[in-house]
Amino acid sequence: ATLVRMHPGNVPQKQAMKEQLTRCISVNLYSVLREYYQEKDQQPSS
């Protein structure tokens, strides 16, 4: 399993996270949504 952790800021808070960091994908919510829909819009044109 993989955990996708979305957060509102530029840098995720990881003070309590000590283990299995490679299995946690930390992304900014608005940034990842923008990239997802940009790639989705580019697929028909390509």
All heavy atoms as atom14 arrays in JSON, in Angstrom:
{
  "sequence": "ATLVRMHPGNVPQKQAMKEQLTRCISVNLYSVLREYYQEKDQQPSS",
  "atom14_mask": [
    [1, 1, 1, 1, 1, 0, 0, 0, 0, 0, 0, 0, 0, 0],
    [1, 1, 1, 1, 1, 1, 1, 0, 0, 0, 0, 0, 0, 0],
    [1, 1, 1, 1, 1, 1, 1, 1, 0, 0, 0, 0, 0, 0],
    [1, 1, 1, 1, 1, 1, 1, 0, 0, 0, 0, 0, 0, 0],
    [1, 1, 1, 1, 1, 1, 1, 1, 1, 1, 1, 0, 0, 0],
    [1, 1, 1, 1, 1, 1, 1, 1, 0, 0, 0, 0, 0, 0],
    [1, 1, 1, 1, 1, 1, 1, 1, 1, 1, 0, 0, 0, 0],
    [1, 1, 1, 1, 1, 1, 1, 0, 0, 0, 0, 0, 0, 0],
    [1, 1, 1, 1, 0, 0, 0, 0, 0, 0, 0, 0, 0, 0],
    [1, 1, 1, 1, 1, 1, 1, 1, 0, 0, 0, 0, 0, 0],
    [1, 1, 1, 1, 1, 1, 1, 0, 0, 0, 0, 0, 0, 0],
    [1, 1, 1, 1, 1, 1, 1, 0, 0, 0, 0, 0, 0, 0],
    [1, 1, 1, 1, 1, 1, 1, 1, 1, 0, 0, 0, 0, 0],
    [1, 1, 1, 1, 1, 1, 1, 1, 1, 0, 0, 0, 0, 0],
    [1, 1, 1, 1, 1, 1, 1, 1, 1, 0, 0, 0, 0, 0],
    [1, 1, 1, 1, 1, 0, 0, 0, 0, 0, 0, 0, 0, 0],
    [1, 1, 1, 1, 1, 1, 1, 1, 0, 0, 0, 0, 0, 0],
    [1, 1, 1, 1, 1, 1, 1, 1, 1, 0, 0, 0, 0, 0],
    [1, 1, 1, 1, 1, 1, 1, 1, 1, 0, 0, 0, 0, 0],
    [1, 1, 1, 1, 1, 1, 1, 1, 1, 0, 0, 0, 0, 0],
    [1, 1, 1, 1, 1, 1, 1, 1, 0, 0, 0, 0, 0, 0],
    [1, 1, 1, 1, 1, 1, 1, 0, 0, 0, 0, 0, 0, 0],
    [1, 1, 1, 1, 1, 1, 1, 1, 1, 1, 1, 0, 0, 0],
    [1, 1, 1, 1, 1, 1, 0, 0, 0, 0, 0, 0, 0, 0],
    [1, 1, 1, 1, 1, 1, 1, 1, 0, 0, 0, 0, 0, 0],
    [1, 1, 1, 1, 1, 1, 0, 0, 0, 0, 0, 0, 0, 0],
    [1, 1, 1, 1, 1, 1, 1, 0, 0, 0, 0, 0, 0, 0],
    [1, 1, 1, 1, 1, 1, 1, 1, 0, 0, 0, 0, 0, 0],
    [1, 1, 1, 1, 1, 1, 1, 1, 0, 0, 0, 0, 0, 0],
    [1, 1, 1, 1, 1, 1, 1, 1, 1, 1, 1, 1, 0, 0],
    [1, 1, 1, 1, 1, 1, 0, 0, 0, 0, 0, 0, 0, 0],
    [1, 1, 1, 1, 1, 1, 1, 0, 0, 0, 0, 0, 0, 0],
    [1, 1, 1, 1, 1, 1, 1, 1, 0, 0, 0, 0, 0, 0],
    [1, 1, 1, 1, 1, 1, 1, 1, 1, 1, 1, 0, 0, 0],
    [1, 1, 1, 1, 1, 1, 1, 1, 1, 0, 0, 0, 0, 0],
    [1, 1, 1, 1, 1, 1, 1, 1, 1, 1, 1, 1, 0, 0],
    [1, 1, 1, 1, 1, 1, 1, 1, 1, 1, 1, 1, 0, 0],
    [1, 1, 1, 1, 1, 1, 1, 1, 1, 0, 0, 0, 0, 0],
    [1, 1, 1, 1, 1, 1, 1, 1, 1, 0, 0, 0, 0, 0],
    [1, 1, 1, 1, 1, 1, 1, 1, 1, 0, 0, 0, 0, 0],
    [1, 1, 1, 1, 1, 1, 1, 1, 0, 0, 0, 0, 0, 0],
    [1, 1, 1, 1, 1, 1, 1, 1, 1, 0, 0, 0, 0, 0],
    [1, 1, 1, 1, 1, 1, 1, 1, 1, 0, 0, 0, 0, 0],
    [1, 1, 1, 1, 1, 1, 1, 0, 0, 0, 0, 0, 0, 0],
    [1, 1, 1, 1, 1, 1, 0, 0, 0, 0, 0, 0, 0, 0],
    [1, 1, 1, 1, 1, 1, 0, 0, 0, 0, 0, 0, 0, 0]
  ],
  "atom14_positions": [
    [[0.83, -1.21, 0.0], [0.0, 0.0, 0.0], [0.86, 1.26, 0.0], [1.99, 1.26, 0.49], [-0.93, 0.0, 1.2], [0.0, 0.0, 0.0], [0.0, 0.0, 0.0], [0.0, 0.0, 0.0], [0.0, 0.0, 0.0], [0.0, 0.0, 0.0], [0.0, 0.0, 0.0], [0.0, 0.0, 0.0], [0.0, 0.0, 0.0], [0.0, 0.0, 0.0]],
    [[0.3, 2.32, -0.55], [0.96, 3.63, -0.6], [-0.01, 4.69, -0.12], [-1.19, 4.66, -0.49], [1.43, 3.95, -2.03], [2.31, 2.93, -2.48], [2.16, 5.28, -2.07], [0.0, 0.0, 0.0], [0.0, 0.0, 0.0], [0.0, 0.0, 0.0], [0.0, 0.0, 0.0], [0.0, 0.0, 0.0], [0.0, 0.0, 0.0], [0.0, 0.0, 0.0]],
    [[0.48, 5.6, 0.67], [-0.34, 6.68, 1.2], [-0.01, 7.97, 0.44], [1.14, 8.39, 0.39], [-0.07, 6.87, 2.69], [-0.78, 8.05, 3.36], [-2.29, 7.85, 3.34], [-0.28, 8.25, 4.79], [0.0, 0.0, 0.0], [0.0, 0.0, 0.0], [0.0, 0.0, 0.0], [0.0, 0.0, 0.0], [0.0, 0.0, 0.0], [0.0, 0.0, 0.0]],
    [[-1.04, 8.57, -0.15], [-0.89, 9.88, -0.8], [-1.41, 10.92, 0.18], [-2.61, 10.99, 0.46], [-1.66, 9.95, -2.13], [-1.53, 11.34, -2.75], [-1.13, 8.9, -3.09], [0.0, 0.0, 0.0], [0.0, 0.0, 0.0], [0.0, 0.0, 0.0], [0.0, 0.0, 0.0], [0.0, 0.0, 0.0], [0.0, 0.0, 0.0], [0.0, 0.0, 0.0]],
    [[-0.5, 11.7, 0.71], [-0.84, 12.69, 1.73], [-0.84, 14.08, 1.09], [0.19, 14.55, 0.61], [0.17, 12.62, 2.86], [-0.03, 13.68, 3.92], [1.3, 14.05, 4.52], [1.16, 15.05, 5.57], [2.18, 15.56, 6.22], [3.41, 15.16, 5.94], [2.01, 16.48, 7.14], [0.0, 0.0, 0.0], [0.0, 0.0, 0.0], [0.0, 0.0, 0.0]],
    [[-1.99, 14.71, 1.09], [-2.13, 16.04, 0.51], [-2.22, 17.07, 1.63], [-2.85, 16.83, 2.67], [-3.39, 16.11, -0.37], [-3.37, 15.09, -1.5], [-4.84, 15.19, -2.53], [-4.49, 13.89, -3.72], [0.0, 0.0, 0.0], [0.0, 0.0, 0.0], [0.0, 0.0, 0.0], [0.0, 0.0, 0.0], [0.0, 0.0, 0.0], [0.0, 0.0, 0.0]],
    [[-1.59, 18.21, 1.42], [-1.52, 19.25, 2.44], [-1.7, 20.61, 1.78], [-1.51, 20.76, 0.56], [-0.17, 19.19, 3.17], [1.02, 19.26, 2.25], [1.57, 20.46, 1.86], [1.73, 18.29, 1.63], [2.58, 20.22, 1.05], [2.7, 18.92, 0.89], [0.0, 0.0, 0.0], [0.0, 0.0, 0.0], [0.0, 0.0, 0.0], [0.0, 0.0, 0.0]],
    [[-2.04, 21.64, 2.55], [-2.31, 22.95, 1.94], [-1.08, 23.82, 1.73], [-1.12, 24.75, 0.93], [-3.26, 23.61, 2.96], [-2.86, 23.01, 4.27], [-2.42, 21.6, 3.97], [0.0, 0.0, 0.0], [0.0, 0.0, 0.0], [0.0, 0.0, 0.0], [0.0, 0.0, 0.0], [0.0, 0.0, 0.0], [0.0, 0.0, 0.0], [0.0, 0.0, 0.0]],
    [[0.03, 23.58, 2.44], [1.19, 24.45, 2.37], [2.21, 24.01, 1.35], [2.04, 23.02, 0.63], [0.0, 0.0, 0.0], [0.0, 0.0, 0.0], [0.0, 0.0, 0.0], [0.0, 0.0, 0.0], [0.0, 0.0, 0.0], [0.0, 0.0, 0.0], [0.0, 0.0, 0.0], [0.0, 0.0, 0.0], [0.0, 0.0, 0.0], [0.0, 0.0, 0.0]],
    [[3.31, 24.76, 1.3], [4.39, 24.44, 0.38], [5.27, 23.29, 0.9], [5.79, 22.5, 0.11], [5.27, 25.68, 0.14], [4.51, 26.77, -0.58], [3.63, 26.5, -1.39], [4.83, 28.03, -0.26], [0.0, 0.0, 0.0], [0.0, 0.0, 0.0], [0.0, 0.0, 0.0], [0.0, 0.0, 0.0], [0.0, 0.0, 0.0], [0.0, 0.0, 0.0]],
    [[5.44, 23.21, 2.21], [6.28, 22.19, 2.82], [5.43, 21.35, 3.77], [4.77, 21.9, 4.66], [7.46, 22.83, 3.6], [8.33, 21.74, 4.23], [8.29, 23.7, 2.68], [0.0, 0.0, 0.0], [0.0, 0.0, 0.0], [0.0, 0.0, 0.0], [0.0, 0.0, 0.0], [0.0, 0.0, 0.0], [0.0, 0.0, 0.0], [0.0, 0.0, 0.0]],
    [[5.41, 20.02, 3.61], [4.6, 19.18, 4.5], [5.21, 19.09, 5.89], [6.43, 19.11, 6.06], [4.61, 17.82, 3.8], [5.88, 17.81, 3.01], [6.1, 19.23, 2.57], [0.0, 0.0, 0.0], [0.0, 0.0, 0.0], [0.0, 0.0, 0.0], [0.0, 0.0, 0.0], [0.0, 0.0, 0.0], [0.0, 0.0, 0.0], [0.0, 0.0, 0.0]],
    [[4.36, 18.99, 6.87], [4.8, 18.82, 8.25], [5.1, 17.35, 8.51], [4.24, 16.5, 8.32], [3.74, 19.33, 9.23], [3.43, 20.81, 9.08], [2.35, 21.27, 10.03], [1.73, 20.47, 10.71], [2.12, 22.57, 10.07], [0.0, 0.0, 0.0], [0.0, 0.0, 0.0], [0.0, 0.0, 0.0], [0.0, 0.0, 0.0], [0.0, 0.0, 0.0]],
    [[6.32, 17.06, 8.93], [6.75, 15.68, 9.14], [7.37, 15.46, 10.52], [8.17, 14.55, 10.7], [7.76, 15.27, 8.06], [7.2, 15.27, 6.64], [8.23, 14.78, 5.65], [7.66, 14.73, 4.24], [8.66, 14.23, 3.26], [0.0, 0.0, 0.0], [0.0, 0.0, 0.0], [0.0, 0.0, 0.0], [0.0, 0.0, 0.0], [0.0, 0.0, 0.0]],
    [[6.99, 16.28, 11.5], [7.59, 16.15, 12.81], [7.32, 14.79, 13.43], [8.17, 14.22, 14.12], [7.06, 17.25, 13.76], [7.54, 18.65, 13.4], [6.63, 19.34, 12.4], [5.97, 18.69, 11.61], [6.6, 20.66, 12.45], [0.0, 0.0, 0.0], [0.0, 0.0, 0.0], [0.0, 0.0, 0.0], [0.0, 0.0, 0.0], [0.0, 0.0, 0.0]],
    [[6.13, 14.23, 13.19], [5.75, 12.95, 13.8], [6.06, 11.76, 12.91], [5.83, 10.62, 13.32], [4.27, 12.95, 14.17], [0.0, 0.0, 0.0], [0.0, 0.0, 0.0], [0.0, 0.0, 0.0], [0.0, 0.0, 0.0], [0.0, 0.0, 0.0], [0.0, 0.0, 0.0], [0.0, 0.0, 0.0], [0.0, 0.0, 0.0], [0.0, 0.0, 0.0]],
    [[6.55, 11.98, 11.71], [6.79, 10.89, 10.76], [8.26, 10.49, 10.82], [9.14, 11.28, 10.51], [6.4, 11.32, 9.35], [4.94, 11.73, 9.22], [4.5, 12.32, 7.58], [4.79, 10.85, 6.61], [0.0, 0.0, 0.0], [0.0, 0.0, 0.0], [0.0, 0.0, 0.0], [0.0, 0.0, 0.0], [0.0, 0.0, 0.0], [0.0, 0.0, 0.0]],
    [[8.5, 9.25, 11.23], [9.86, 8.76, 11.41], [10.16, 7.53, 10.55], [11.33, 7.28, 10.24], [10.11, 8.41, 12.88], [9.86, 9.57, 13.86], [10.8, 10.74, 13.6], [10.57, 11.86, 14.6], [11.44, 13.02, 14.36], [0.0, 0.0, 0.0], [0.0, 0.0, 0.0], [0.0, 0.0, 0.0], [0.0, 0.0, 0.0], [0.0, 0.0, 0.0]],
    [[9.15, 6.76, 10.18], [9.37, 5.5, 9.48], [8.54, 5.44, 8.21], [7.53, 6.14, 8.07], [9.02, 4.31, 10.39], [9.85, 4.23, 11.67], [9.44, 3.1, 12.55], [8.43, 2.43, 12.21], [10.09, 2.84, 13.58], [0.0, 0.0, 0.0], [0.0, 0.0, 0.0], [0.0, 0.0, 0.0], [0.0, 0.0, 0.0], [0.0, 0.0, 0.0]],
    [[8.98, 4.6, 7.28], [8.27, 4.3, 6.03], [7.98, 5.58, 5.23], [6.92, 5.73, 4.62], [6.96, 3.56, 6.3], [7.11, 2.29, 7.1], [5.82, 1.52, 7.2], [5.29, 1.08, 6.18], [5.32, 1.34, 8.41], [0.0, 0.0, 0.0], [0.0, 0.0, 0.0], [0.0, 0.0, 0.0], [0.0, 0.0, 0.0], [0.0, 0.0, 0.0]],
    [[8.93, 6.48, 5.21], [8.71, 7.74, 4.51], [8.65, 7.54, 3.0], [8.02, 8.33, 2.29], [9.83, 8.73, 4.86], [9.9, 9.17, 6.33], [11.03, 10.15, 6.54], [8.58, 9.77, 6.78], [0.0, 0.0, 0.0], [0.0, 0.0, 0.0], [0.0, 0.0, 0.0], [0.0, 0.0, 0.0], [0.0, 0.0, 0.0], [0.0, 0.0, 0.0]],
    [[9.3, 6.49, 2.49], [9.28, 6.25, 1.05], [7.91, 5.8, 0.56], [7.63, 5.9, -0.64], [10.33, 5.19, 0.68], [10.06, 3.97, 1.43], [11.73, 5.68, 1.01], [0.0, 0.0, 0.0], [0.0, 0.0, 0.0], [0.0, 0.0, 0.0], [0.0, 0.0, 0.0], [0.0, 0.0, 0.0], [0.0, 0.0, 0.0], [0.0, 0.0, 0.0]],
    [[7.08, 5.32, 1.45], [5.75, 4.86, 1.06], [4.7, 5.95, 1.2], [3.53, 5.71, 0.95], [5.36, 3.65, 1.91], [6.36, 2.52, 1.82], [5.96, 1.35, 2.67], [4.7, 0.8, 2.21], [4.03, -0.16, 2.87], [4.49, -0.61, 4.0], [2.91, -0.63, 2.39], [0.0, 0.0, 0.0], [0.0, 0.0, 0.0], [0.0, 0.0, 0.0]],
    [[5.11, 7.13, 1.62], [4.21, 8.25, 1.77], [4.55, 9.31, 0.72], [5.67, 9.83, 0.7], [4.3, 8.84, 3.18], [3.21, 10.25, 3.45], [0.0, 0.0, 0.0], [0.0, 0.0, 0.0], [0.0, 0.0, 0.0], [0.0, 0.0, 0.0], [0.0, 0.0, 0.0], [0.0, 0.0, 0.0], [0.0, 0.0, 0.0], [0.0, 0.0, 0.0]],
    [[3.6, 9.63, -0.14], [3.77, 10.65, -1.17], [3.12, 11.93, -0.67], [1.91, 12.01, -0.53], [3.14, 10.2, -2.5], [3.71, 8.85, -2.94], [3.36, 11.25, -3.58], [3.02, 8.29, -4.17], [0.0, 0.0, 0.0], [0.0, 0.0, 0.0], [0.0, 0.0, 0.0], [0.0, 0.0, 0.0], [0.0, 0.0, 0.0], [0.0, 0.0, 0.0]],
    [[3.93, 12.93, -0.37], [3.44, 14.2, 0.16], [3.39, 15.24, -0.95], [4.42, 15.55, -1.56], [4.34, 14.7, 1.3], [4.34, 13.77, 2.38], [0.0, 0.0, 0.0], [0.0, 0.0, 0.0], [0.0, 0.0, 0.0], [0.0, 0.0, 0.0], [0.0, 0.0, 0.0], [0.0, 0.0, 0.0], [0.0, 0.0, 0.0], [0.0, 0.0, 0.0]],
    [[2.2, 15.76, -1.22], [2.0, 16.71, -2.31], [1.09, 17.84, -1.84], [0.25, 17.65, -0.95], [1.4, 16.04, -3.56], [2.37, 15.05, -4.17], [0.08, 15.34, -3.22], [0.0, 0.0, 0.0], [0.0, 0.0, 0.0], [0.0, 0.0, 0.0], [0.0, 0.0, 0.0], [0.0, 0.0, 0.0], [0.0, 0.0, 0.0], [0.0, 0.0, 0.0]],
    [[1.28, 18.99, -2.44], [0.36, 20.1, -2.23], [-0.94, 19.83, -2.99], [-0.92, 19.44, -4.16], [0.99, 21.41, -2.71], [0.05, 22.59, -2.58], [-0.74, 22.87, -3.48], [0.13, 23.29, -1.47], [0.0, 0.0, 0.0], [0.0, 0.0, 0.0], [0.0, 0.0, 0.0], [0.0, 0.0, 0.0], [0.0, 0.0, 0.0], [0.0, 0.0, 0.0]],
    [[-2.07, 20.01, -2.32], [-3.36, 19.65, -2.91], [-3.61, 20.38, -4.23], [-3.97, 19.77, -5.24], [-4.48, 19.95, -1.91], [-5.91, 19.8, -2.43], [-6.21, 18.35, -2.8], [-6.92, 20.29, -1.4], [0.0, 0.0, 0.0], [0.0, 0.0, 0.0], [0.0, 0.0, 0.0], [0.0, 0.0, 0.0], [0.0, 0.0, 0.0], [0.0, 0.0, 0.0]],
    [[-3.42, 21.68, -4.24], [-3.74, 22.48, -5.42], [-2.74, 22.24, -6.54], [-3.09, 22.26, -7.72], [-3.8, 23.95, -5.02], [-4.62, 24.18, -3.77], [-3.99, 24.41, -2.55], [-6.01, 24.11, -3.81], [-4.75, 24.59, -1.38], [-6.76, 24.29, -2.65], [-6.12, 24.53, -1.44], [-6.86, 24.69, -0.3], [0.0, 0.0, 0.0], [0.0, 0.0, 0.0]],
    [[-1.48, 22.0, -6.19], [-0.46, 21.75, -7.2], [-0.7, 20.43, -7.92], [-0.61, 20.35, -9.15], [0.93, 21.75, -6.55], [1.93, 21.41, -7.49], [0.0, 0.0, 0.0], [0.0, 0.0, 0.0], [0.0, 0.0, 0.0], [0.0, 0.0, 0.0], [0.0, 0.0, 0.0], [0.0, 0.0, 0.0], [0.0, 0.0, 0.0], [0.0, 0.0, 0.0]],
    [[-1.02, 19.37, -7.19], [-1.2, 18.06, -7.81], [-2.5, 18.02, -8.63], [-2.54, 17.38, -9.69], [-1.19, 16.95, -6.75], [-2.44, 16.96, -5.9], [-1.0, 15.58, -7.4], [0.0, 0.0, 0.0], [0.0, 0.0, 0.0], [0.0, 0.0, 0.0], [0.0, 0.0, 0.0], [0.0, 0.0, 0.0], [0.0, 0.0, 0.0], [0.0, 0.0, 0.0]],
    [[-3.53, 18.71, -8.19], [-4.76, 18.76, -8.99], [-4.54, 19.52, -10.29], [-5.04, 19.12, -11.35], [-5.88, 19.41, -8.18], [-6.49, 18.58, -7.05], [-7.51, 19.4, -6.28], [-7.12, 17.31, -7.58], [0.0, 0.0, 0.0], [0.0, 0.0, 0.0], [0.0, 0.0, 0.0], [0.0, 0.0, 0.0], [0.0, 0.0, 0.0], [0.0, 0.0, 0.0]],
    [[-3.78, 20.62, -10.23], [-3.49, 21.38, -11.44], [-2.69, 20.54, -12.43], [-3.0, 20.53, -13.63], [-2.72, 22.66, -11.08], [-2.39, 23.53, -12.27], [-1.82, 24.87, -11.85], [-0.59, 24.72, -11.09], [-0.5, 24.97, -9.79], [-1.56, 25.38, -9.11], [0.65, 24.82, -9.15], [0.0, 0.0, 0.0], [0.0, 0.0, 0.0], [0.0, 0.0, 0.0]],
    [[-1.69, 19.81, -11.95], [-0.89, 18.98, -12.85], [-1.72, 17.84, -13.43], [-1.58, 17.48, -14.61], [0.32, 18.43, -12.11], [1.23, 17.58, -12.99], [2.58, 17.32, -12.36], [2.96, 18.09, -11.45], [3.27, 16.39, -12.8], [0.0, 0.0, 0.0], [0.0, 0.0, 0.0], [0.0, 0.0, 0.0], [0.0, 0.0, 0.0], [0.0, 0.0, 0.0]],
    [[-2.59, 17.25, -12.62], [-3.42, 16.14, -13.1], [-4.33, 16.59, -14.25], [-4.42, 15.92, -15.28], [-4.26, 15.59, -11.95], [-5.27, 14.56, -12.37], [-4.9, 13.22, -12.55], [-6.59, 14.91, -12.6], [-5.83, 12.28, -12.94], [-7.53, 13.97, -13.0], [-7.14, 12.65, -13.16], [-8.08, 11.72, -13.57], [0.0, 0.0, 0.0], [0.0, 0.0, 0.0]],
    [[-5.0, 17.72, -14.09], [-5.93, 18.18, -15.11], [-5.2, 18.74, -16.33], [-5.72, 18.68, -17.45], [-6.89, 19.21, -14.53], [-7.93, 18.59, -13.61], [-7.91, 18.83, -12.25], [-8.91, 17.74, -14.11], [-8.84, 18.24, -11.4], [-9.85, 17.16, -13.28], [-9.81, 17.41, -11.92], [-10.74, 16.83, -11.09], [0.0, 0.0, 0.0], [0.0, 0.0, 0.0]],
    [[-4.02, 19.28, -16.14], [-3.24, 19.73, -17.29], [-2.83, 18.54, -18.16], [-2.93, 18.59, -19.39], [-2.01, 20.5, -16.82], [-2.31, 21.9, -16.33], [-1.07, 22.62, -15.81], [0.0, 22.01, -15.68], [-1.19, 23.9, -15.52], [0.0, 0.0, 0.0], [0.0, 0.0, 0.0], [0.0, 0.0, 0.0], [0.0, 0.0, 0.0], [0.0, 0.0, 0.0]],
    [[-2.38, 17.46, -17.53], [-2.03, 16.26, -18.3], [-3.26, 15.66, -18.95], [-3.2, 15.16, -20.08], [-1.38, 15.23, -17.37], [-0.01, 15.64, -16.86], [0.59, 14.59, -15.96], [-0.08, 13.57, -15.71], [1.74, 14.79, -15.51], [0.0, 0.0, 0.0], [0.0, 0.0, 0.0], [0.0, 0.0, 0.0], [0.0, 0.0, 0.0], [0.0, 0.0, 0.0]],
    [[-4.39, 15.71, -18.28], [-5.62, 15.16, -18.84], [-6.08, 15.95, -20.06], [-6.58, 15.38, -21.04], [-6.72, 15.17, -17.78], [-7.99, 14.44, -18.19], [-8.99, 14.42, -17.05], [-10.26, 13.7, -17.46], [-11.25, 13.67, -16.35], [0.0, 0.0, 0.0], [0.0, 0.0, 0.0], [0.0, 0.0, 0.0], [0.0, 0.0, 0.0], [0.0, 0.0, 0.0]],
    [[-5.91, 17.28, -20.03], [-6.29, 18.11, -21.17], [-5.33, 17.95, -22.35], [-5.72, 18.13, -23.5], [-6.34, 19.58, -20.75], [-7.44, 19.84, -19.74], [-8.38, 19.03, -19.67], [-7.34, 20.84, -18.99], [0.0, 0.0, 0.0], [0.0, 0.0, 0.0], [0.0, 0.0, 0.0], [0.0, 0.0, 0.0], [0.0, 0.0, 0.0], [0.0, 0.0, 0.0]],
    [[-4.08, 17.61, -22.07], [-3.08, 17.48, -23.14], [-3.18, 16.14, -23.86], [-2.71, 16.02, -24.99], [-1.68, 17.63, -22.56], [-1.35, 19.05, -22.12], [-0.02, 19.14, -21.43], [0.67, 18.13, -21.27], [0.37, 20.33, -21.03], [0.0, 0.0, 0.0], [0.0, 0.0, 0.0], [0.0, 0.0, 0.0], [0.0, 0.0, 0.0], [0.0, 0.0, 0.0]],
    [[-3.81, 15.15, -23.28], [-3.89, 13.84, -23.91], [-4.66, 13.84, -25.23], [-4.2, 13.31, -26.22], [-4.48, 12.82, -22.93], [-3.53, 12.42, -21.81], [-4.16, 11.45, -20.84], [-5.34, 11.11, -20.95], [-3.37, 11.01, -19.88], [0.0, 0.0, 0.0], [0.0, 0.0, 0.0], [0.0, 0.0, 0.0], [0.0, 0.0, 0.0], [0.0, 0.0, 0.0]],
    [[-5.87, 14.45, -25.32], [-6.57, 14.47, -26.62], [-5.8, 15.2, -27.7], [-5.76, 14.77, -28.85], [-7.89, 15.17, -26.29], [-8.07, 14.99, -24.82], [-6.67, 15.02, -24.26], [0.0, 0.0, 0.0], [0.0, 0.0, 0.0], [0.0, 0.0, 0.0], [0.0, 0.0, 0.0], [0.0, 0.0, 0.0], [0.0, 0.0, 0.0], [0.0, 0.0, 0.0]],
    [[-5.15, 16.34, -27.35], [-4.4, 17.1, -28.35], [-3.19, 16.32, -28.85], [-2.84, 16.39, -30.03], [-3.96, 18.44, -27.77], [-3.14, 18.24, -26.63], [0.0, 0.0, 0.0], [0.0, 0.0, 0.0], [0.0, 0.0, 0.0], [0.0, 0.0, 0.0], [0.0, 0.0, 0.0], [0.0, 0.0, 0.0], [0.0, 0.0, 0.0], [0.0, 0.0, 0.0]],
    [[-2.54, 15.57, -27.96], [-1.37, 14.79, -28.38], [-1.79, 13.66, -29.32], [-1.08, 13.32, -30.26], [-0.66, 14.22, -27.15], [-1.51, 13.35, -26.43], [0.0, 0.0, 0.0], [0.0, 0.0, 0.0], [0.0, 0.0, 0.0], [0.0, 0.0, 0.0], [0.0, 0.0, 0.0], [0.0, 0.0, 0.0], [0.0, 0.0, 0.0], [0.0, 0.0, 0.0]]
  ]
}
